Amino acid sequence: MITWLDAPADYASVWHDMRAFTAARQPATPDEIWLCEHAPVYTLGQAGSPAHLLNPGCVPVVHCDRGGQVTYHGPGQVVAYTLFDLRRAGLFVREYVALLEDATIATLARHGIESCRKPGAPGVYVAQGGDELAKIAALGIKIRNGCAYHGVALNVAMDLTPFDGINPCGYEGLRTVDMAACGVVAGPRDVGEVLARELAAALARAIDAAQSRAAQSPAGLPPATCRAPSARAGSGLATAGE
């Protein structure tokens, strides 16, 4: 199910609702995607260092439980909160991060923007001349008992100035960019709809693949036993991001 939250969405309230939804999930609970534009806010990840908050000014700061360091959310940026059961989809954490990045890259491609990953730095980037890459989308996740929340933030057409008040995602001097600066005329709602469809399609493919593996497994042997349990997202808590 894809749901748009009222704008501007208060970050702390949405975070609370994501945690409550995840805590109440049952094995058959449908996955959901929540889309929104936030009121201006800096968010600091679970292990984030306040040293990366250079000059927050009057923008509020929320220390949350996602992975990653510090980022900015505000009007003109679409955030997709992906409330996915990773056990049902048979996804490892790394595979899930790749799914989020792939869906974002596909969304940008549909708008004529070529984008890429950056080794060792989760998120999605666009070339800015030479070898320089600017970040156009950040991601952060939290996994509790095999179920993910938080998600991906894509810069559409926004005031990028607040990124100057932080080391974005913990990287000093990292440039940020939005789709508007890449020549795309589109609003967060239109882009969000495309992003949500790409995310939902990627999840559906993962679930189909998991079901196919289950059907091919020896009787009584769970498919997960064929995969490295230490890398699995299914137990306890895990974070990743940015």
C-alpha atoms as a PDB file:
ATOM      1  CA  MET A   1       0.000   0.000   0.000  1.00  0.00           C
ATOM      2  CA  ILE A   2       1.295   3.450  -0.943  1.00  0.00           C
ATOM      3  CA  THR A   3       0.222   6.369   1.250  1.00  0.00           C
ATOM      4  CA  TRP A   4       0.970  10.084   1.054  1.00  0.00           C
ATOM      5  CA  LEU A   5       1.309  11.793   4.427  1.00  0.00           C
ATOM      6  CA  ASP A   6       0.045  15.323   4.924  1.00  0.00           C
ATOM      7  CA  ALA A   7       2.658  17.970   4.168  1.00  0.00           C
ATOM      8  CA  PRO A   8       4.688  19.248   5.790  1.00  0.00           C
ATOM      9  CA  ALA A   9       5.137  16.060   7.806  1.00  0.00           C
ATOM     10  CA  ASP A  10       6.624  16.350  11.287  1.00  0.00           C
ATOM     11  CA  TYR A  11       9.657  14.069  11.395  1.00  0.00           C
ATOM     12  CA  ALA A  12       9.346  12.958  15.017  1.00  0.00           C
ATOM     13  CA  SER A  13       5.686  12.038  14.559  1.00  0.00           C
ATOM     14  CA  VAL A  14       6.374   9.976  11.432  1.00  0.00           C
ATOM     15  CA  TRP A  15       9.287   8.237  13.140  1.00  0.00           C
ATOM     16  CA  HIS A  16       7.028   7.346  16.082  1.00  0.00           C
ATOM     17  CA  ASP A  17       4.368   5.980  13.735  1.00  0.00           C
ATOM     18  CA  MET A  18       6.927   3.870  11.819  1.00  0.00           C
ATOM     19  CA  ARG A  19       8.177   2.319  15.041  1.00  0.00           C
ATOM     20  CA  ALA A  20       4.639   1.574  16.199  1.00  0.00           C
ATOM     21  CA  PHE A  21       3.685   0.033  12.842  1.00  0.00           C
ATOM     22  CA  THR A  22       6.802  -2.156  12.843  1.00  0.00           C
ATOM     23  CA  ALA A  23       6.326  -3.274  16.459  1.00  0.00           C
ATOM     24  CA  ALA A  24       2.729  -4.323  15.732  1.00  0.00           C
ATOM     25  CA  ARG A  25       3.519  -6.243  12.528  1.00  0.00           C
ATOM     26  CA  GLN A  26       2.465  -9.855  12.125  1.00  0.00           C
ATOM     27  CA  PRO A  27       3.814 -12.314   9.525  1.00  0.00           C
ATOM     28  CA  ALA A  28       0.881 -11.540   7.218  1.00  0.00           C
ATOM     29  CA  THR A  29       0.965  -7.744   7.651  1.00  0.00           C
ATOM     30  CA  PRO A  30       1.126  -6.141   4.175  1.00  0.00           C
ATOM     31  CA  ASP A  31       4.170  -4.043   3.355  1.00  0.00           C
ATOM     32  CA  GLU A  32       3.636  -0.290   3.033  1.00  0.00           C
ATOM     33  CA  ILE A  33       5.357   2.716   1.484  1.00  0.00           C
ATOM     34  CA  TRP A  34       4.784   6.100   3.090  1.00  0.00           C
ATOM     35  CA  LEU A  35       5.628   9.184   1.006  1.00  0.00           C
ATOM     36  CA  CYS A  36       6.054  12.694   2.340  1.00  0.00           C
ATOM     37  CA  GLU A  37       7.778  16.046   2.336  1.00  0.00           C
ATOM     38  CA  HIS A  38       9.102  16.998   5.748  1.00  0.00           C
ATOM     39  CA  ALA A  39       9.214  20.319   7.494  1.00  0.00           C
ATOM     40  CA  PRO A  40      12.889  21.399   7.711  1.00  0.00           C
ATOM     41  CA  VAL A  41      14.839  19.103  10.029  1.00  0.00           C
ATOM     42  CA  TYR A  42      18.289  17.640  10.505  1.00  0.00           C
ATOM     43  CA  THR A  43      18.328  13.973  11.490  1.00  0.00           C
ATOM     44  CA  LEU A  44      21.257  12.330  13.201  1.00  0.00           C
ATOM     45  CA  GLY A  45      21.575   8.553  12.936  1.00  0.00           C
ATOM     46  CA  GLN A  46      21.783   6.154  15.856  1.00  0.00           C
ATOM     47  CA  ALA A  47      25.593   6.222  15.894  1.00  0.00           C
ATOM     48  CA  GLY A  48      25.818   9.690  14.379  1.00  0.00           C
ATOM     49  CA  SER A  49      28.370  12.177  15.656  1.00  0.00           C
ATOM     50  CA  PRO A  50      27.181  15.690  16.626  1.00  0.00           C
ATOM     51  CA  ALA A  51      30.529  16.902  15.259  1.00  0.00           C
ATOM     52  CA  HIS A  52      28.992  16.678  11.791  1.00  0.00           C
ATOM     53  CA  LEU A  53      26.430  19.343  12.762  1.00  0.00           C
ATOM     54  CA  LEU A  54      28.455  22.398  11.762  1.00  0.00           C
ATOM     55  CA  ASN A  55      25.891  25.184  11.932  1.00  0.00           C
ATOM     56  CA  PRO A  56      22.317  23.949  12.375  1.00  0.00           C
ATOM     57  CA  GLY A  57      21.007  27.430  13.108  1.00  0.00           C
ATOM     58  CA  CYS A  58      17.282  27.388  13.771  1.00  0.00           C
ATOM     59  CA  VAL A  59      16.659  24.062  12.032  1.00  0.00           C
ATOM     60  CA  PRO A  60      15.649  21.441  14.625  1.00  0.00           C
ATOM     61  CA  VAL A  61      17.778  18.333  15.115  1.00  0.00           C
ATOM     62  CA  VAL A  62      16.306  14.874  15.793  1.00  0.00           C
ATOM     63  CA  HIS A  63      18.565  12.044  16.973  1.00  0.00           C
ATOM     64  CA  CYS A  64      16.851   8.943  15.582  1.00  0.00           C
ATOM     65  CA  ASP A  65      17.469   5.199  15.299  1.00  0.00           C
ATOM     66  CA  ARG A  66      18.361   4.801  11.625  1.00  0.00           C
ATOM     67  CA  GLY A  67      21.836   4.015  10.398  1.00  0.00           C
ATOM     68  CA  GLY A  68      24.159   6.647   9.001  1.00  0.00           C
ATOM     69  CA  GLN A  69      25.291  10.067  10.171  1.00  0.00           C
ATOM     70  CA  VAL A  70      23.494  13.373   9.578  1.00  0.00           C
ATOM     71  CA  THR A  71      21.265  14.536   6.758  1.00  0.00           C
ATOM     72  CA  TYR A  72      18.675  17.191   6.021  1.00  0.00           C
ATOM     73  CA  HIS A  73      15.012  16.843   5.109  1.00  0.00           C
ATOM     74  CA  GLY A  74      12.835  19.662   3.878  1.00  0.00           C
ATOM     75  CA  PRO A  75      10.276  20.867   1.342  1.00  0.00           C
ATOM     76  CA  GLY A  76      11.052  19.901  -2.231  1.00  0.00           C
ATOM     77  CA  GLN A  77      12.519  16.555  -1.215  1.00  0.00           C
ATOM     78  CA  VAL A  78      10.466  13.363  -1.381  1.00  0.00           C
ATOM     79  CA  VAL A  79      11.036  10.799   1.347  1.00  0.00           C
ATOM     80  CA  ALA A  80       9.884   7.221   0.815  1.00  0.00           C
ATOM     81  CA  TYR A  81       9.544   5.263   4.033  1.00  0.00           C
ATOM     82  CA  THR A  82       9.728   1.581   3.130  1.00  0.00           C
ATOM     83  CA  LEU A  83       8.032  -0.591   5.732  1.00  0.00           C
ATOM     84  CA  PHE A  84       9.092  -3.954   4.347  1.00  0.00           C
ATOM     85  CA  ASP A  85       9.241  -7.461   5.816  1.00  0.00           C
ATOM     86  CA  LEU A  86      12.707  -8.538   4.696  1.00  0.00           C
ATOM     87  CA  ARG A  87      12.254 -12.120   5.872  1.00  0.00           C
ATOM     88  CA  ARG A  88       9.264 -12.547   3.586  1.00  0.00           C
ATOM     89  CA  ALA A  89      11.293 -11.098   0.718  1.00  0.00           C
ATOM     90  CA  GLY A  90      14.327 -13.234   1.542  1.00  0.00           C
ATOM     91  CA  LEU A  91      16.587 -10.181   1.628  1.00  0.00           C
ATOM     92  CA  PHE A  92      19.877  -9.631   3.400  1.00  0.00           C
ATOM     93  CA  VAL A  93      20.670  -6.110   4.627  1.00  0.00           C
ATOM     94  CA  ARG A  94      23.122  -5.494   1.794  1.00  0.00           C
ATOM     95  CA  GLU A  95      20.611  -6.742  -0.764  1.00  0.00           C
ATOM     96  CA  TYR A  96      17.966  -4.475   0.694  1.00  0.00           C
ATOM     97  CA  VAL A  97      20.242  -1.435   0.493  1.00  0.00           C
ATOM     98  CA  ALA A  98      20.908  -2.325  -3.151  1.00  0.00           C
ATOM     99  CA  LEU A  99      17.146  -2.578  -3.767  1.00  0.00           C
ATOM    100  CA  LEU A 100      16.612   0.962  -2.439  1.00  0.00           C
ATOM    101  CA  GLU A 101      19.464   2.292  -4.545  1.00  0.00           C
ATOM    102  CA  ASP A 102      18.321   0.443  -7.679  1.00  0.00           C
ATOM    103  CA  ALA A 103      14.778   1.800  -7.378  1.00  0.00           C
ATOM    104  CA  THR A 104      16.114   5.336  -6.956  1.00  0.00           C
ATOM    105  CA  ILE A 105      18.480   4.993  -9.916  1.00  0.00           C
ATOM    106  CA  ALA A 106      15.577   3.689 -12.035  1.00  0.00           C
ATOM    107  CA  THR A 107      13.404   6.622 -10.944  1.00  0.00           C
ATOM    108  CA  LEU A 108      16.077   9.108 -11.963  1.00  0.00           C
ATOM    109  CA  ALA A 109      16.582   7.306 -15.273  1.00  0.00           C
ATOM    110  CA  ARG A 110      12.877   7.682 -16.045  1.00  0.00           C
ATOM    111  CA  HIS A 111      13.439  11.430 -15.693  1.00  0.00           C
ATOM    112  CA  GLY A 112      16.504  11.417 -17.937  1.00  0.00           C
ATOM    113  CA  ILE A 113      19.121  11.567 -15.183  1.00  0.00           C
ATOM    114  CA  GLU A 114      22.047   9.157 -15.194  1.00  0.00           C
ATOM    115  CA  SER A 115      23.071   8.266 -11.658  1.00  0.00           C
ATOM    116  CA  CYS A 116      25.238   5.747  -9.863  1.00  0.00           C
ATOM    117  CA  ARG A 117      26.412   4.266  -6.606  1.00  0.00           C
ATOM    118  CA  LYS A 118      29.630   5.248  -4.851  1.00  0.00           C
ATOM    119  CA  PRO A 119      31.687   2.409  -3.355  1.00  0.00           C
ATOM    120  CA  GLY A 120      31.670   2.521   0.433  1.00  0.00           C
ATOM    121  CA  ALA A 121      29.171   5.380   0.605  1.00  0.00           C
ATOM    122  CA  PRO A 122      25.530   4.226   0.387  1.00  0.00           C
ATOM    123  CA  GLY A 123      23.135   6.439  -1.534  1.00  0.00           C
ATOM    124  CA  VAL A 124      22.779   7.627  -5.119  1.00  0.00           C
ATOM    125  CA  TYR A 125      25.044  10.123  -6.888  1.00  0.00           C
ATOM    126  CA  VAL A 126      25.275  12.082 -10.142  1.00  0.00           C
ATOM    127  CA  ALA A 127      28.421  13.202 -11.913  1.00  0.00           C
ATOM    128  CA  GLN A 128      29.190  16.914 -11.685  1.00  0.00           C
ATOM    129  CA  GLY A 129      32.086  17.173 -14.102  1.00  0.00           C
ATOM    130  CA  GLY A 130      35.370  15.376 -13.942  1.00  0.00           C
ATOM    131  CA  ASP A 131      35.455  12.703 -11.272  1.00  0.00           C
ATOM    132  CA  GLU A 132      33.313  14.606  -8.772  1.00  0.00           C
ATOM    133  CA  LEU A 133      30.057  13.028  -7.646  1.00  0.00           C
ATOM    134  CA  ALA A 134      27.252  14.919  -5.936  1.00  0.00           C
ATOM    135  CA  LYS A 135      24.704  13.164  -3.760  1.00  0.00           C
ATOM    136  CA  ILE A 136      21.117  13.320  -4.933  1.00  0.00           C
ATOM    137  CA  ALA A 137      19.572  10.690  -2.644  1.00  0.00           C
ATOM    138  CA  ALA A 138      20.397   9.497   0.855  1.00  0.00           C
ATOM    139  CA  LEU A 139      19.194   6.366   2.558  1.00  0.00           C
ATOM    140  CA  GLY A 140      19.005   5.114   6.100  1.00  0.00           C
ATOM    141  CA  ILE A 141      17.376   2.016   7.478  1.00  0.00           C
ATOM    142  CA  LYS A 142      16.512   0.291  10.708  1.00  0.00           C
ATOM    143  CA  ILE A 143      15.651  -3.387  10.896  1.00  0.00           C
ATOM    144  CA  ARG A 144      13.786  -4.816  13.854  1.00  0.00           C
ATOM    145  CA  ASN A 145      12.967  -8.529  13.945  1.00  0.00           C
ATOM    146  CA  GLY A 146      13.413  -8.798  10.201  1.00  0.00           C
ATOM    147  CA  CYS A 147      11.231  -5.804   9.330  1.00  0.00           C
ATOM    148  CA  ALA A 148      12.630  -2.571   7.920  1.00  0.00           C
ATOM    149  CA  TYR A 149      11.629   1.035   8.409  1.00  0.00           C
ATOM    150  CA  HIS A 150      13.048   4.455   7.474  1.00  0.00           C
ATOM    151  CA  GLY A 151      14.001   4.491   3.770  1.00  0.00           C
ATOM    152  CA  VAL A 152      15.266   6.847   1.071  1.00  0.00           C
ATOM    153  CA  ALA A 153      15.202  10.633   0.568  1.00  0.00           C
ATOM    154  CA  LEU A 154      15.432  11.997  -2.998  1.00  0.00           C
ATOM    155  CA  ASN A 155      16.218  15.666  -3.656  1.00  0.00           C
ATOM    156  CA  VAL A 156      13.726  16.899  -6.257  1.00  0.00           C
ATOM    157  CA  ALA A 157      13.486  20.693  -6.277  1.00  0.00           C
ATOM    158  CA  MET A 158      14.565  22.121  -2.961  1.00  0.00           C
ATOM    159  CA  ASP A 159      16.651  24.725  -1.192  1.00  0.00           C
ATOM    160  CA  LEU A 160      19.989  22.944  -0.786  1.00  0.00           C
ATOM    161  CA  THR A 161      21.464  25.656   1.466  1.00  0.00           C
ATOM    162  CA  PRO A 162      20.790  23.761   4.737  1.00  0.00           C
ATOM    163  CA  PHE A 163      23.208  21.039   3.607  1.00  0.00           C
ATOM    164  CA  ASP A 164      25.940  23.668   4.081  1.00  0.00           C
ATOM    165  CA  GLY A 165      25.233  23.497   7.822  1.00  0.00           C
ATOM    166  CA  ILE A 166      26.345  19.857   8.079  1.00  0.00           C
ATOM    167  CA  ASN A 167      28.835  17.352   6.778  1.00  0.00           C
ATOM    168  CA  PRO A 168      26.244  15.525   4.656  1.00  0.00           C
ATOM    169  CA  CYS A 169      26.117  11.864   5.656  1.00  0.00           C
ATOM    170  CA  GLY A 170      29.309  12.453   7.639  1.00  0.00           C
ATOM    171  CA  TYR A 171      31.465  13.431   4.645  1.00  0.00           C
ATOM    172  CA  GLU A 172      33.228  16.776   4.824  1.00  0.00           C
ATOM    173  CA  GLY A 173      32.813  18.755   1.621  1.00  0.00           C
ATOM    174  CA  LEU A 174      30.337  16.351   0.031  1.00  0.00           C
ATOM    175  CA  ARG A 175      28.301  18.163  -2.602  1.00  0.00           C
ATOM    176  CA  THR A 176      24.564  17.714  -2.813  1.00  0.00           C
ATOM    177  CA  VAL A 177      22.348  18.263  -5.815  1.00  0.00           C
ATOM    178  CA  ASP A 178      18.683  17.988  -6.750  1.00  0.00           C
ATOM    179  CA  MET A 179      16.796  16.945  -9.862  1.00  0.00           C
ATOM    180  CA  ALA A 180      16.009  20.556 -10.710  1.00  0.00           C
ATOM    181  CA  ALA A 181      19.728  21.342 -10.957  1.00  0.00           C
ATOM    182  CA  CYS A 182      19.975  18.424 -13.394  1.00  0.00           C
ATOM    183  CA  GLY A 183      17.417  20.090 -15.659  1.00  0.00           C
ATOM    184  CA  VAL A 184      14.301  18.191 -14.578  1.00  0.00           C
ATOM    185  CA  VAL A 185      11.072  20.124 -14.088  1.00  0.00           C
ATOM    186  CA  ALA A 186       8.992  17.975 -11.743  1.00  0.00           C
ATOM    187  CA  GLY A 187       7.455  18.170  -8.303  1.00  0.00           C
ATOM    188  CA  PRO A 188       8.031  15.888  -5.316  1.00  0.00           C
ATOM    189  CA  ARG A 189       4.591  14.329  -5.665  1.00  0.00           C
ATOM    190  CA  ASP A 190       5.070  13.275  -9.293  1.00  0.00           C
ATOM    191  CA  VAL A 191       8.571  11.971  -8.597  1.00  0.00           C
ATOM    192  CA  GLY A 192       7.371  10.254  -5.434  1.00  0.00           C
ATOM    193  CA  GLU A 193       4.747   8.302  -7.354  1.00  0.00           C
ATOM    194  CA  VAL A 194       7.402   6.984  -9.737  1.00  0.00           C
ATOM    195  CA  LEU A 195       9.763   6.155  -6.881  1.00  0.00           C
ATOM    196  CA  ALA A 196       7.049   4.280  -4.997  1.00  0.00           C
ATOM    197  CA  ARG A 197       6.187   2.219  -8.071  1.00  0.00           C
ATOM    198  CA  GLU A 198       9.842   1.317  -8.586  1.00  0.00           C
ATOM    199  CA  LEU A 199      10.211   0.344  -4.929  1.00  0.00           C
ATOM    200  CA  ALA A 200       7.044  -1.747  -4.958  1.00  0.00           C
ATOM    201  CA  ALA A 201       8.082  -3.509  -8.166  1.00  0.00           C
ATOM    202  CA  ALA A 202      11.544  -4.286  -6.770  1.00  0.00           C
ATOM    203  CA  LEU A 203      10.016  -5.700  -3.588  1.00  0.00           C
ATOM    204  CA  ALA A 204       7.567  -7.823  -5.588  1.00  0.00           C
ATOM    205  CA  ARG A 205      10.458  -9.284  -7.579  1.00  0.00           C
ATOM    206  CA  ALA A 206      12.316 -10.113  -4.368  1.00  0.00           C
ATOM    207  CA  ILE A 207       9.247 -11.827  -2.879  1.00  0.00           C
ATOM    208  CA  ASP A 208       8.694 -13.828  -6.084  1.00  0.00           C
ATOM    209  CA  ALA A 209      12.328 -14.944  -5.999  1.00  0.00           C
ATOM    210  CA  ALA A 210      12.034 -15.951  -2.335  1.00  0.00           C
ATOM    211  CA  GLN A 211       8.901 -17.971  -3.040  1.00  0.00           C
ATOM    212  CA  SER A 212      10.616 -19.650  -5.966  1.00  0.00           C
ATOM    213  CA  ARG A 213      13.554 -20.633  -3.743  1.00  0.00           C
ATOM    214  CA  ALA A 214      11.140 -21.957  -1.135  1.00  0.00           C
ATOM    215  CA  ALA A 215       9.347 -24.065  -3.717  1.00  0.00           C
ATOM    216  CA  GLN A 216      12.641 -25.593  -4.820  1.00  0.00           C
ATOM    217  CA  SER A 217      13.907 -26.318  -1.296  1.00  0.00           C
ATOM    218  CA  PRO A 218      13.978 -29.869   0.071  1.00  0.00           C
ATOM    219  CA  ALA A 219      10.814 -30.675   2.039  1.00  0.00           C
ATOM    220  CA  GLY A 220      10.996 -29.352   5.557  1.00  0.00           C
ATOM    221  CA  LEU A 221      14.207 -27.394   5.002  1.00  0.00           C
ATOM    222  CA  PRO A 222      13.717 -23.604   5.310  1.00  0.00           C
ATOM    223  CA  PRO A 223      15.338 -21.703   2.411  1.00  0.00           C
ATOM    224  CA  ALA A 224      17.177 -19.479   4.876  1.00  0.00           C
ATOM    225  CA  THR A 225      19.369 -22.392   5.962  1.00  0.00           C
ATOM    226  CA  CYS A 226      20.959 -22.334   2.523  1.00  0.00           C
ATOM    227  CA  ARG A 227      22.192 -18.779   3.124  1.00  0.00           C
ATOM    228  CA  ALA A 228      24.680 -17.318   5.580  1.00  0.00           C
ATOM    229  CA  PRO A 229      22.705 -16.639   8.781  1.00  0.00           C
ATOM    230  CA  SER A 230      25.244 -14.134  10.104  1.00  0.00           C
ATOM    231  CA  ALA A 231      24.448 -11.799   7.210  1.00  0.00           C
ATOM    232  CA  ARG A 232      20.727 -12.081   7.591  1.00  0.00           C
ATOM    233  CA  ALA A 233      18.418  -9.205   8.506  1.00  0.00           C
ATOM    234  CA  GLY A 234      15.896 -11.461  10.176  1.00  0.00           C
ATOM    235  CA  SER A 235      16.864 -11.339  13.847  1.00  0.00           C
ATOM    236  CA  GLY A 236      17.472  -8.612  16.364  1.00  0.00           C
ATOM    237  CA  LEU A 237      18.295  -5.084  15.298  1.00  0.00           C
ATOM    238  CA  ALA A 238      20.329  -3.702  12.422  1.00  0.00           C
ATOM    239  CA  THR A 239      20.978  -0.303  10.901  1.00  0.00           C
ATOM    240  CA  ALA A 240      22.566   0.953   7.727  1.00  0.00           C
ATOM    241  CA  GLY A 241      22.604   4.186   5.864  1.00  0.00           C
ATOM    242  CA  GLU A 242      23.843   7.040   3.823  1.00  0.00           C
END
